[in-house]
C-alpha atoms as a PDB file:
ATOM      1  CA  UNK A   1     131.106 114.318  76.557  1.00  0.00           C
ATOM      2  CA  UNK A   2     128.280 112.254  75.136  1.00  0.00           C
ATOM      3  CA  UNK A   3     125.707 110.669  77.394  1.00  0.00           C
ATOM      4  CA  UNK A   4     123.149 107.902  77.254  1.00  0.00           C
ATOM      5  CA  UNK A   5     120.052 108.215  79.426  1.00  0.00           C
ATOM      6  CA  UNK A   6     118.517 105.154  81.052  1.00  0.00           C
ATOM      7  CA  UNK A   7     115.017 105.901  82.412  1.00  0.00           C
ATOM      8  CA  UNK A   8     114.728 105.135  86.118  1.00  0.00           C
ATOM      9  CA  UNK A   9     111.226 106.554  86.795  1.00  0.00           C
ATOM     10  CA  UNK A  10     108.797 107.365  83.974  1.00  0.00           C
ATOM     11  CA  UNK A  11     106.198 110.162  83.906  1.00  0.00           C
ATOM     12  CA  UNK A  12     103.333 107.993  85.162  1.00  0.00           C
ATOM     13  CA  UNK A  13     105.350 106.602  88.082  1.00  0.00           C
ATOM     14  CA  UNK A  14     106.445 110.104  89.096  1.00  0.00           C
ATOM     15  CA  UNK A  15     102.883 111.473  88.844  1.00  0.00           C
ATOM     16  CA  UNK A  16     101.575 108.684  91.080  1.00  0.00           C
ATOM     17  CA  UNK A  17     104.292 109.321  93.689  1.00  0.00           C
ATOM     18  CA  UNK A  18     103.693 113.093  93.642  1.00  0.00           C
ATOM     19  CA  UNK A  19      99.960 112.499  94.177  1.00  0.00           C
ATOM     20  CA  UNK A  20     100.734 110.174  97.088  1.00  0.00           C
ATOM     21  CA  UNK A  21     103.082 112.707  98.721  1.00  0.00           C
ATOM     22  CA  UNK A  22     100.567 115.543  98.184  1.00  0.00           C
ATOM     23  CA  UNK A  23      97.777 113.520  99.816  1.00  0.00           C
ATOM     24  CA  UNK A  24      99.946 112.827 102.884  1.00  0.00           C
ATOM     25  CA  UNK A  25     101.006 116.480 103.152  1.00  0.00           C
ATOM     26  CA  UNK A  26      97.400 117.681 102.729  1.00  0.00           C
ATOM     27  CA  UNK A  27      96.276 115.400 105.541  1.00  0.00           C
ATOM     28  CA  UNK A  28      99.209 116.163 107.862  1.00  0.00           C
ATOM     29  CA  UNK A  29      98.914 119.948 107.490  1.00  0.00           C
ATOM     30  CA  UNK A  30      95.113 120.328 107.354  1.00  0.00           C
ATOM     31  CA  UNK A  31      94.068 123.473 109.216  1.00  0.00           C
ATOM     32  CA  UNK A  32      97.638 124.758 109.493  1.00  0.00           C
ATOM     33  CA  UNK A  33      99.493 127.673 107.890  1.00  0.00           C
ATOM     34  CA  UNK A  34     101.814 125.840 105.478  1.00  0.00           C
ATOM     35  CA  UNK A  35     104.584 127.466 103.453  1.00  0.00           C
ATOM     36  CA  UNK A  36     106.176 125.400 100.684  1.00  0.00           C
ATOM     37  CA  UNK A  37     109.733 126.596 100.032  1.00  0.00           C
ATOM     38  CA  UNK A  38     111.223 125.279  96.804  1.00  0.00           C
ATOM     39  CA  UNK A  39     114.988 124.957  96.558  1.00  0.00           C
ATOM     40  CA  UNK A  40     115.881 126.473  93.190  1.00  0.00           C
ATOM     41  CA  UNK A  41     116.511 125.600  90.517  1.00  0.00           C
ATOM     42  CA  UNK A  42     116.002 121.880  90.834  1.00  0.00           C
ATOM     43  CA  UNK A  43     112.745 121.903  92.786  1.00  0.00           C
ATOM     44  CA  UNK A  44     110.775 124.095  90.372  1.00  0.00           C
ATOM     45  CA  UNK A  45     109.186 121.216  88.427  1.00  0.00           C
ATOM     46  CA  UNK A  46     108.507 119.020  91.479  1.00  0.00           C
ATOM     47  CA  UNK A  47     107.171 121.956  93.525  1.00  0.00           C
ATOM     48  CA  UNK A  48     104.782 123.001  90.749  1.00  0.00           C
ATOM     49  CA  UNK A  49     103.333 119.493  90.431  1.00  0.00           C
ATOM     50  CA  UNK A  50     103.231 118.918  94.188  1.00  0.00           C
ATOM     51  CA  UNK A  51     101.548 122.260  94.956  1.00  0.00           C
ATOM     52  CA  UNK A  52      98.837 121.624  92.362  1.00  0.00           C
ATOM     53  CA  UNK A  53      98.028 118.268  94.009  1.00  0.00           C
ATOM     54  CA  UNK A  54      97.942 119.570  97.598  1.00  0.00           C
ATOM     55  CA  UNK A  55      94.325 120.154  98.577  1.00  0.00           C
ATOM     56  CA  UNK A  56      94.826 122.712 101.360  1.00  0.00           C
ATOM     57  CA  UNK A  57      95.741 126.406 101.009  1.00  0.00           C
ATOM     58  CA  UNK A  58      99.510 126.959 100.915  1.00  0.00           C
ATOM     59  CA  UNK A  59     101.944 129.812 100.442  1.00  0.00           C
ATOM     60  CA  UNK A  60     104.728 129.173  97.939  1.00  0.00           C
ATOM     61  CA  UNK A  61     108.169 130.759  98.101  1.00  0.00           C
ATOM     62  CA  UNK A  62     111.678 129.940  96.946  1.00  0.00           C
ATOM     63  CA  UNK A  63     115.243 129.858  98.178  1.00  0.00           C
ATOM     64  CA  UNK A  64     118.204 129.400  95.865  1.00  0.00           C
ATOM     65  CA  UNK A  65     121.038 127.303  97.222  1.00  0.00           C
ATOM     66  CA  UNK A  66     123.640 125.226  95.467  1.00  0.00           C
ATOM     67  CA  UNK A  67     126.734 123.147  96.031  1.00  0.00           C
ATOM     68  CA  UNK A  68     127.267 121.726  92.535  1.00  0.00           C
ATOM     69  CA  UNK A  69     127.882 124.527  90.056  1.00  0.00           C
ATOM     70  CA  UNK A  70     128.719 122.892  86.727  1.00  0.00           C
ATOM     71  CA  UNK A  71     130.092 119.711  88.325  1.00  0.00           C
ATOM     72  CA  UNK A  72     128.499 116.314  88.931  1.00  0.00           C
ATOM     73  CA  UNK A  73     129.738 116.214  92.531  1.00  0.00           C
ATOM     74  CA  UNK A  74     129.023 118.509  95.446  1.00  0.00           C
ATOM     75  CA  UNK A  75     131.693 121.081  96.217  1.00  0.00           C
ATOM     76  CA  UNK A  76     130.742 120.953  99.894  1.00  0.00           C
ATOM     77  CA  UNK A  77     130.386 124.748  99.892  1.00  0.00           C
ATOM     78  CA  UNK A  78     126.757 125.855 100.068  1.00  0.00           C
ATOM     79  CA  UNK A  79     125.933 129.147  98.388  1.00  0.00           C
ATOM     80  CA  UNK A  80     122.571 130.766  99.151  1.00  0.00           C
ATOM     81  CA  UNK A  81     121.886 133.375  96.486  1.00  0.00           C
ATOM     82  CA  UNK A  82     118.158 133.990  97.137  1.00  0.00           C
ATOM     83  CA  UNK A  83     116.301 133.874 100.433  1.00  0.00           C
ATOM     84  CA  UNK A  84     112.545 133.592 100.967  1.00  0.00           C
ATOM     85  CA  UNK A  85     110.572 136.805 100.600  1.00  0.00           C
ATOM     86  CA  UNK A  86     107.753 135.926 103.007  1.00  0.00           C
ATOM     87  CA  UNK A  87     107.883 135.958 106.798  1.00  0.00           C
ATOM     88  CA  UNK A  88     107.876 132.343 108.001  1.00  0.00           C
ATOM     89  CA  UNK A  89     107.866 133.099 111.740  1.00  0.00           C
ATOM     90  CA  UNK A  90     105.201 130.971 113.417  1.00  0.00           C
ATOM     91  CA  UNK A  91     104.313 129.115 110.227  1.00  0.00           C
ATOM     92  CA  UNK A  92     104.796 125.498 109.230  1.00  0.00           C
ATOM     93  CA  UNK A  93     107.556 125.330 106.622  1.00  0.00           C
ATOM     94  CA  UNK A  94     108.140 122.455 104.249  1.00  0.00           C
ATOM     95  CA  UNK A  95     111.392 122.652 102.283  1.00  0.00           C
ATOM     96  CA  UNK A  96     110.823 121.104  98.844  1.00  0.00           C
ATOM     97  CA  UNK A  97     113.654 119.691  96.745  1.00  0.00           C
ATOM     98  CA  UNK A  98     113.730 117.144  93.978  1.00  0.00           C
ATOM     99  CA  UNK A  99     116.781 115.264  95.242  1.00  0.00           C
ATOM    100  CA  UNK A 100     118.827 114.997  98.405  1.00  0.00           C
ATOM    101  CA  UNK A 101     122.314 113.627  97.780  1.00  0.00           C
ATOM    102  CA  UNK A 102     124.971 114.438 100.388  1.00  0.00           C
ATOM    103  CA  UNK A 103     122.377 116.332 102.407  1.00  0.00           C
ATOM    104  CA  UNK A 104     124.709 119.289 102.892  1.00  0.00           C
ATOM    105  CA  UNK A 105     122.467 121.807 101.122  1.00  0.00           C
ATOM    106  CA  UNK A 106     119.331 120.819 103.051  1.00  0.00           C
ATOM    107  CA  UNK A 107     121.298 120.680 106.303  1.00  0.00           C
ATOM    108  CA  UNK A 108     122.512 124.251 105.772  1.00  0.00           C
ATOM    109  CA  UNK A 109     118.987 125.388 104.876  1.00  0.00           C
ATOM    110  CA  UNK A 110     117.611 123.788 108.058  1.00  0.00           C
ATOM    111  CA  UNK A 111     120.155 125.816 110.062  1.00  0.00           C
ATOM    112  CA  UNK A 112     119.245 129.066 108.286  1.00  0.00           C
ATOM    113  CA  UNK A 113     115.498 128.535 108.483  1.00  0.00           C
ATOM    114  CA  UNK A 114     115.447 127.543 112.168  1.00  0.00           C
ATOM    115  CA  UNK A 115     116.778 131.043 112.919  1.00  0.00           C
ATOM    116  CA  UNK A 116     113.644 132.495 111.267  1.00  0.00           C
ATOM    117  CA  UNK A 117     111.341 131.027 113.939  1.00  0.00           C
ATOM    118  CA  UNK A 118     108.965 128.724 112.038  1.00  0.00           C
ATOM    119  CA  UNK A 119     106.353 126.743 113.998  1.00  0.00           C
ATOM    120  CA  UNK A 120     107.755 123.624 112.338  1.00  0.00           C
ATOM    121  CA  UNK A 121     110.392 122.899 109.729  1.00  0.00           C
ATOM    122  CA  UNK A 122     110.428 119.720 107.648  1.00  0.00           C
ATOM    123  CA  UNK A 123     111.500 118.575 104.187  1.00  0.00           C
ATOM    124  CA  UNK A 124     110.019 116.687 101.265  1.00  0.00           C
ATOM    125  CA  UNK A 125     112.100 115.289  98.406  1.00  0.00           C
ATOM    126  CA  UNK A 126     111.146 113.199  95.433  1.00  0.00           C
ATOM    127  CA  UNK A 127     114.507 111.416  95.249  1.00  0.00           C
ATOM    128  CA  UNK A 128     116.554 110.244  98.214  1.00  0.00           C
ATOM    129  CA  UNK A 129     120.135 109.139  97.517  1.00  0.00           C
ATOM    130  CA  UNK A 130     120.813 107.771 101.025  1.00  0.00           C
ATOM    131  CA  UNK A 131     123.999 105.982 100.030  1.00  0.00           C
ATOM    132  CA  UNK A 132     125.772 109.357  99.559  1.00  0.00           C
ATOM    133  CA  UNK A 133     124.511 111.077 102.707  1.00  0.00           C
ATOM    134  CA  UNK A 134     127.228 113.078 104.477  1.00  0.00           C
ATOM    135  CA  UNK A 135     124.940 115.301 106.577  1.00  0.00           C
ATOM    136  CA  UNK A 136     122.097 113.988 108.703  1.00  0.00           C
ATOM    137  CA  UNK A 137     118.920 115.591 107.383  1.00  0.00           C
ATOM    138  CA  UNK A 138     115.461 114.642 108.583  1.00  0.00           C
ATOM    139  CA  UNK A 139     113.136 113.937 105.675  1.00  0.00           C
ATOM    140  CA  UNK A 140     109.470 113.997 106.595  1.00  0.00           C
ATOM    141  CA  UNK A 141     108.534 112.804 103.097  1.00  0.00           C
ATOM    142  CA  UNK A 142     110.596 111.032 100.446  1.00  0.00           C
ATOM    143  CA  UNK A 143     109.360 109.606  97.176  1.00  0.00           C
ATOM    144  CA  UNK A 144     111.940 107.181  95.805  1.00  0.00           C
ATOM    145  CA  UNK A 145     115.309 105.959  96.970  1.00  0.00           C
ATOM    146  CA  UNK A 146     117.830 106.191  94.143  1.00  0.00           C
ATOM    147  CA  UNK A 147     121.127 104.370  93.603  1.00  0.00           C
ATOM    148  CA  UNK A 148     124.579 105.943  93.661  1.00  0.00           C
ATOM    149  CA  UNK A 149     124.366 107.125  90.074  1.00  0.00           C
ATOM    150  CA  UNK A 150     124.099 110.549  88.481  1.00  0.00           C
ATOM    151  CA  UNK A 151     120.452 111.239  87.656  1.00  0.00           C
ATOM    152  CA  UNK A 152     118.814 113.956  85.568  1.00  0.00           C
ATOM    153  CA  UNK A 153     115.338 115.045  84.578  1.00  0.00           C
ATOM    154  CA  UNK A 154     112.220 116.406  86.255  1.00  0.00           C
ATOM    155  CA  UNK A 155     114.171 119.450  87.432  1.00  0.00           C
ATOM    156  CA  UNK A 156     117.496 117.720  88.112  1.00  0.00           C
ATOM    157  CA  UNK A 157     120.264 118.901  85.818  1.00  0.00           C
ATOM    158  CA  UNK A 158     123.725 118.204  84.535  1.00  0.00           C
ATOM    159  CA  UNK A 159     125.498 121.483  83.741  1.00  0.00           C
ATOM    160  CA  UNK A 160     122.052 123.193  83.531  1.00  0.00           C
ATOM    161  CA  UNK A 161     120.742 120.737  80.919  1.00  0.00           C
ATOM    162  CA  UNK A 162     118.091 117.965  81.147  1.00  0.00           C
ATOM    163  CA  UNK A 163     115.877 119.735  83.744  1.00  0.00           C
ATOM    164  CA  UNK A 164     113.036 119.686  81.216  1.00  0.00           C
ATOM    165  CA  UNK A 165     112.867 115.900  80.864  1.00  0.00           C
ATOM    166  CA  UNK A 166     109.487 114.589  82.104  1.00  0.00           C
ATOM    167  CA  UNK A 167     111.160 111.525  83.649  1.00  0.00           C
ATOM    168  CA  UNK A 168     114.145 110.693  85.879  1.00  0.00           C
ATOM    169  CA  UNK A 169     117.057 109.016  84.108  1.00  0.00           C
ATOM    170  CA  UNK A 170     120.499 107.747  85.019  1.00  0.00           C
ATOM    171  CA  UNK A 171     123.256 109.345  82.959  1.00  0.00           C
ATOM    172  CA  UNK A 172     125.635 106.807  81.491  1.00  0.00           C
ATOM    173  CA  UNK A 173     128.589 108.885  80.331  1.00  0.00           C
ATOM    174  CA  UNK A 174     130.928 107.900  77.554  1.00  0.00           C
ATOM    175  CA  UNK A 175     133.786 110.277  76.811  1.00  0.00           C
ATOM    176  CA  UNK A 176     134.466 109.518  73.179  1.00  0.00           C
END
């Protein structure tokens, strides 16, 4: 497969949106015990940039969950291969992911994390693909709405490639 990438959001646009989201989160959680939980692997880049822009003290942890594998479509089966290592009971938890597509992964994580007794549980995503939503997930913060296209970059991959791109691009595939 060969692919052409069409840039949807450049580095500057992403940086501005991350700063905006971080300012809102900093204001909303001022004086509270906030835990940012990145959904690996995709959220690593977004979480790093977001955490550096948040102006209040936070704890950072990770969960690894996936429904894609090497495919471009969700399998519908959510596998959690790493749970958080910190105790989130009584703390404000913000799940951080770069993109929400069907919503099934975040929905499953909301179920799992509610059982852990957080004071509050919300989510922030950079990219919201509402047109593909199969599970109703509440997003407290969303950066950009994206079209029904396969996107890569800024942590989002295709078969584990393209995560390192500093921008978000639509993959135009040509099987020649």
